[in-house]
Amino acid sequence: MIVGVAAIELQIHGSQSLKEKRGVVQSIGRRLRNRFNVAVAEVGGQDTWQRALLGVTAIGSDEGGVRKVLERAVVFAEEMHLAELIRSEVEILRLPYQEMEPESDEPGDTPWDER
């Protein structure tokens, strides 16, 4: 299982309140979710008016595909021109995962079967 994470640090020029900033951050997050099917959260800078750190994550079975989605999401966030991209970083994690054995049709073979 491949898990990819992108950190996107943004400068939101002209924002004069947390409410204004939140509107920009929510707009960016919503558009990233809709276009790239990723999860997005503000993970830093919550108490500042003009800075935000977004965490964007994608999961898949192909490292190249996950990396490509995240890199394209970073470029798209910058091309929206809603905020200035200060810096970004993409990290890929490979998690060990073993496929489950085929299930038996016999009752009591799985831990969640009622006895």
C-alpha atoms as a PDB file:
ATOM      1  CA  MET A   1       0.000   0.000   0.000  1.00  0.00           C
ATOM      2  CA  ILE A   2       1.393   3.394  -1.017  1.00  0.00           C
ATOM      3  CA  VAL A   3       0.495   6.505   0.992  1.00  0.00           C
ATOM      4  CA  GLY A   4       1.571   9.896  -0.300  1.00  0.00           C
ATOM      5  CA  VAL A   5       1.541  13.170   1.574  1.00  0.00           C
ATOM      6  CA  ALA A   6       2.120  16.683   0.263  1.00  0.00           C
ATOM      7  CA  ALA A   7       2.745  19.666   2.518  1.00  0.00           C
ATOM      8  CA  ILE A   8       1.787  22.955   0.868  1.00  0.00           C
ATOM      9  CA  GLU A   9       2.696  26.200   2.607  1.00  0.00           C
ATOM     10  CA  LEU A  10       0.705  29.195   1.386  1.00  0.00           C
ATOM     11  CA  GLN A  11       0.813  32.967   1.838  1.00  0.00           C
ATOM     12  CA  ILE A  12      -2.649  34.493   1.514  1.00  0.00           C
ATOM     13  CA  HIS A  13      -2.078  38.118   0.542  1.00  0.00           C
ATOM     14  CA  GLY A  14      -4.753  40.618   1.436  1.00  0.00           C
ATOM     15  CA  SER A  15      -6.406  38.472   4.077  1.00  0.00           C
ATOM     16  CA  GLN A  16      -7.384  40.700   7.013  1.00  0.00           C
ATOM     17  CA  SER A  17      -9.044  38.095   9.233  1.00  0.00           C
ATOM     18  CA  LEU A  18      -9.157  34.409  10.007  1.00  0.00           C
ATOM     19  CA  LYS A  19     -12.579  34.306   8.348  1.00  0.00           C
ATOM     20  CA  GLU A  20     -11.163  35.612   5.054  1.00  0.00           C
ATOM     21  CA  LYS A  21      -8.273  33.168   5.241  1.00  0.00           C
ATOM     22  CA  ARG A  22     -10.603  30.275   6.028  1.00  0.00           C
ATOM     23  CA  GLY A  23     -12.641  31.067   2.904  1.00  0.00           C
ATOM     24  CA  VAL A  24      -9.530  30.887   0.711  1.00  0.00           C
ATOM     25  CA  VAL A  25      -8.260  27.699   2.384  1.00  0.00           C
ATOM     26  CA  GLN A  26     -11.665  26.025   2.080  1.00  0.00           C
ATOM     27  CA  SER A  27     -11.908  26.982  -1.585  1.00  0.00           C
ATOM     28  CA  ILE A  28      -8.478  25.540  -2.348  1.00  0.00           C
ATOM     29  CA  GLY A  29      -9.216  22.373  -0.374  1.00  0.00           C
ATOM     30  CA  ARG A  30     -12.593  21.831  -2.037  1.00  0.00           C
ATOM     31  CA  ARG A  31     -11.144  22.244  -5.526  1.00  0.00           C
ATOM     32  CA  LEU A  32      -8.243  19.880  -4.786  1.00  0.00           C
ATOM     33  CA  ARG A  33     -10.640  17.247  -3.399  1.00  0.00           C
ATOM     34  CA  ASN A  34     -12.962  17.480  -6.392  1.00  0.00           C
ATOM     35  CA  ARG A  35     -10.257  17.441  -9.042  1.00  0.00           C
ATOM     36  CA  PHE A  36      -7.761  14.925  -7.613  1.00  0.00           C
ATOM     37  CA  ASN A  37      -9.794  12.810  -5.156  1.00  0.00           C
ATOM     38  CA  VAL A  38      -7.390  13.586  -2.302  1.00  0.00           C
ATOM     39  CA  ALA A  39      -7.894  14.361   1.377  1.00  0.00           C
ATOM     40  CA  VAL A  40      -7.007  17.921   2.421  1.00  0.00           C
ATOM     41  CA  ALA A  41      -6.645  19.501   5.866  1.00  0.00           C
ATOM     42  CA  GLU A  42      -5.189  22.705   7.243  1.00  0.00           C
ATOM     43  CA  VAL A  43      -2.461  21.378   9.502  1.00  0.00           C
ATOM     44  CA  GLY A  44      -0.566  24.546  10.419  1.00  0.00           C
ATOM     45  CA  GLY A  45      -0.885  28.290  10.663  1.00  0.00           C
ATOM     46  CA  GLN A  46      -4.445  28.153  11.984  1.00  0.00           C
ATOM     47  CA  ASP A  47      -3.924  31.234  14.179  1.00  0.00           C
ATOM     48  CA  THR A  48      -2.414  33.460  11.487  1.00  0.00           C
ATOM     49  CA  TRP A  49      -4.324  35.584   8.990  1.00  0.00           C
ATOM     50  CA  GLN A  50      -2.085  35.172   5.990  1.00  0.00           C
ATOM     51  CA  ARG A  51      -0.282  31.829   6.281  1.00  0.00           C
ATOM     52  CA  ALA A  52      -1.602  28.306   5.940  1.00  0.00           C
ATOM     53  CA  LEU A  53      -0.041  24.866   5.824  1.00  0.00           C
ATOM     54  CA  LEU A  54      -2.153  22.320   3.978  1.00  0.00           C
ATOM     55  CA  GLY A  55      -1.690  18.582   4.222  1.00  0.00           C
ATOM     56  CA  VAL A  56      -2.820  16.683   1.134  1.00  0.00           C
ATOM     57  CA  THR A  57      -2.848  12.904   0.994  1.00  0.00           C
ATOM     58  CA  ALA A  58      -3.493  10.221  -1.593  1.00  0.00           C
ATOM     59  CA  ILE A  59      -3.371   6.445  -1.382  1.00  0.00           C
ATOM     60  CA  GLY A  60      -2.918   3.783  -4.023  1.00  0.00           C
ATOM     61  CA  SER A  61      -1.018   0.724  -5.117  1.00  0.00           C
ATOM     62  CA  ASP A  62       1.391   2.440  -7.525  1.00  0.00           C
ATOM     63  CA  GLU A  63       4.078   4.783  -6.164  1.00  0.00           C
ATOM     64  CA  GLY A  64       4.463   6.668  -9.435  1.00  0.00           C
ATOM     65  CA  GLY A  65       0.742   7.272  -9.725  1.00  0.00           C
ATOM     66  CA  VAL A  66       0.389   8.542  -6.161  1.00  0.00           C
ATOM     67  CA  ARG A  67       3.397  10.855  -6.551  1.00  0.00           C
ATOM     68  CA  LYS A  68       2.052  12.197  -9.860  1.00  0.00           C
ATOM     69  CA  VAL A  69      -1.353  12.993  -8.354  1.00  0.00           C
ATOM     70  CA  LEU A  70       0.213  14.888  -5.458  1.00  0.00           C
ATOM     71  CA  GLU A  71       2.661  16.804  -7.639  1.00  0.00           C
ATOM     72  CA  ARG A  72      -0.168  17.805  -9.977  1.00  0.00           C
ATOM     73  CA  ALA A  73      -2.262  18.878  -6.967  1.00  0.00           C
ATOM     74  CA  VAL A  74       0.570  21.152  -5.781  1.00  0.00           C
ATOM     75  CA  VAL A  75       0.872  22.751  -9.224  1.00  0.00           C
ATOM     76  CA  PHE A  76      -2.907  23.175  -9.416  1.00  0.00           C
ATOM     77  CA  ALA A  77      -2.997  24.863  -5.977  1.00  0.00           C
ATOM     78  CA  GLU A  78      -0.404  27.351  -7.206  1.00  0.00           C
ATOM     79  CA  GLU A  79      -2.152  27.930 -10.539  1.00  0.00           C
ATOM     80  CA  MET A  80      -5.417  28.865  -8.784  1.00  0.00           C
ATOM     81  CA  HIS A  81      -3.761  32.177  -7.833  1.00  0.00           C
ATOM     82  CA  LEU A  82      -5.807  32.348  -4.628  1.00  0.00           C
ATOM     83  CA  ALA A  83      -2.629  32.238  -2.539  1.00  0.00           C
ATOM     84  CA  GLU A  84       1.111  32.325  -3.119  1.00  0.00           C
ATOM     85  CA  LEU A  85       2.882  28.991  -2.844  1.00  0.00           C
ATOM     86  CA  ILE A  86       5.775  29.475  -0.418  1.00  0.00           C
ATOM     87  CA  ARG A  87       7.042  25.906  -0.536  1.00  0.00           C
ATOM     88  CA  SER A  88       5.882  22.341  -0.937  1.00  0.00           C
ATOM     89  CA  GLU A  89       7.149  18.875  -0.238  1.00  0.00           C
ATOM     90  CA  VAL A  90       5.922  15.444  -1.314  1.00  0.00           C
ATOM     91  CA  GLU A  91       6.700  12.316   0.699  1.00  0.00           C
ATOM     92  CA  ILE A  92       5.800   8.758  -0.269  1.00  0.00           C
ATOM     93  CA  LEU A  93       5.427   5.967   2.289  1.00  0.00           C
ATOM     94  CA  ARG A  94       5.281   2.290   1.479  1.00  0.00           C
ATOM     95  CA  LEU A  95       3.269   0.449   4.120  1.00  0.00           C
ATOM     96  CA  PRO A  96       3.565  -3.306   4.472  1.00  0.00           C
ATOM     97  CA  TYR A  97       0.312  -4.988   3.665  1.00  0.00           C
ATOM     98  CA  GLN A  98      -0.500  -8.657   3.385  1.00  0.00           C
ATOM     99  CA  GLU A  99      -3.552  -9.741   1.516  1.00  0.00           C
ATOM    100  CA  MET A 100      -6.059 -11.636   3.574  1.00  0.00           C
ATOM    101  CA  GLU A 101      -6.523 -15.316   3.036  1.00  0.00           C
ATOM    102  CA  PRO A 102      -9.681 -16.255   1.128  1.00  0.00           C
ATOM    103  CA  GLU A 103     -12.597 -16.469   3.486  1.00  0.00           C
ATOM    104  CA  SER A 104     -14.241 -19.770   4.263  1.00  0.00           C
ATOM    105  CA  ASP A 105     -17.989 -20.194   4.128  1.00  0.00           C
ATOM    106  CA  GLU A 106     -17.903 -22.136   7.392  1.00  0.00           C
ATOM    107  CA  PRO A 107     -19.377 -20.289  10.405  1.00  0.00           C
ATOM    108  CA  GLY A 108     -16.909 -19.634  13.191  1.00  0.00           C
ATOM    109  CA  ASP A 109     -13.907 -19.303  10.821  1.00  0.00           C
ATOM    110  CA  THR A 110     -13.610 -15.576  11.316  1.00  0.00           C
ATOM    111  CA  PRO A 111     -13.261 -13.689  14.603  1.00  0.00           C
ATOM    112  CA  TRP A 112     -16.400 -11.637  13.973  1.00  0.00           C
ATOM    113  CA  ASP A 113     -18.727 -14.612  13.426  1.00  0.00           C
ATOM    114  CA  GLU A 114     -21.264 -15.012  16.191  1.00  0.00           C
ATOM    115  CA  ARG A 115     -21.003 -18.307  17.926  1.00  0.00           C
END
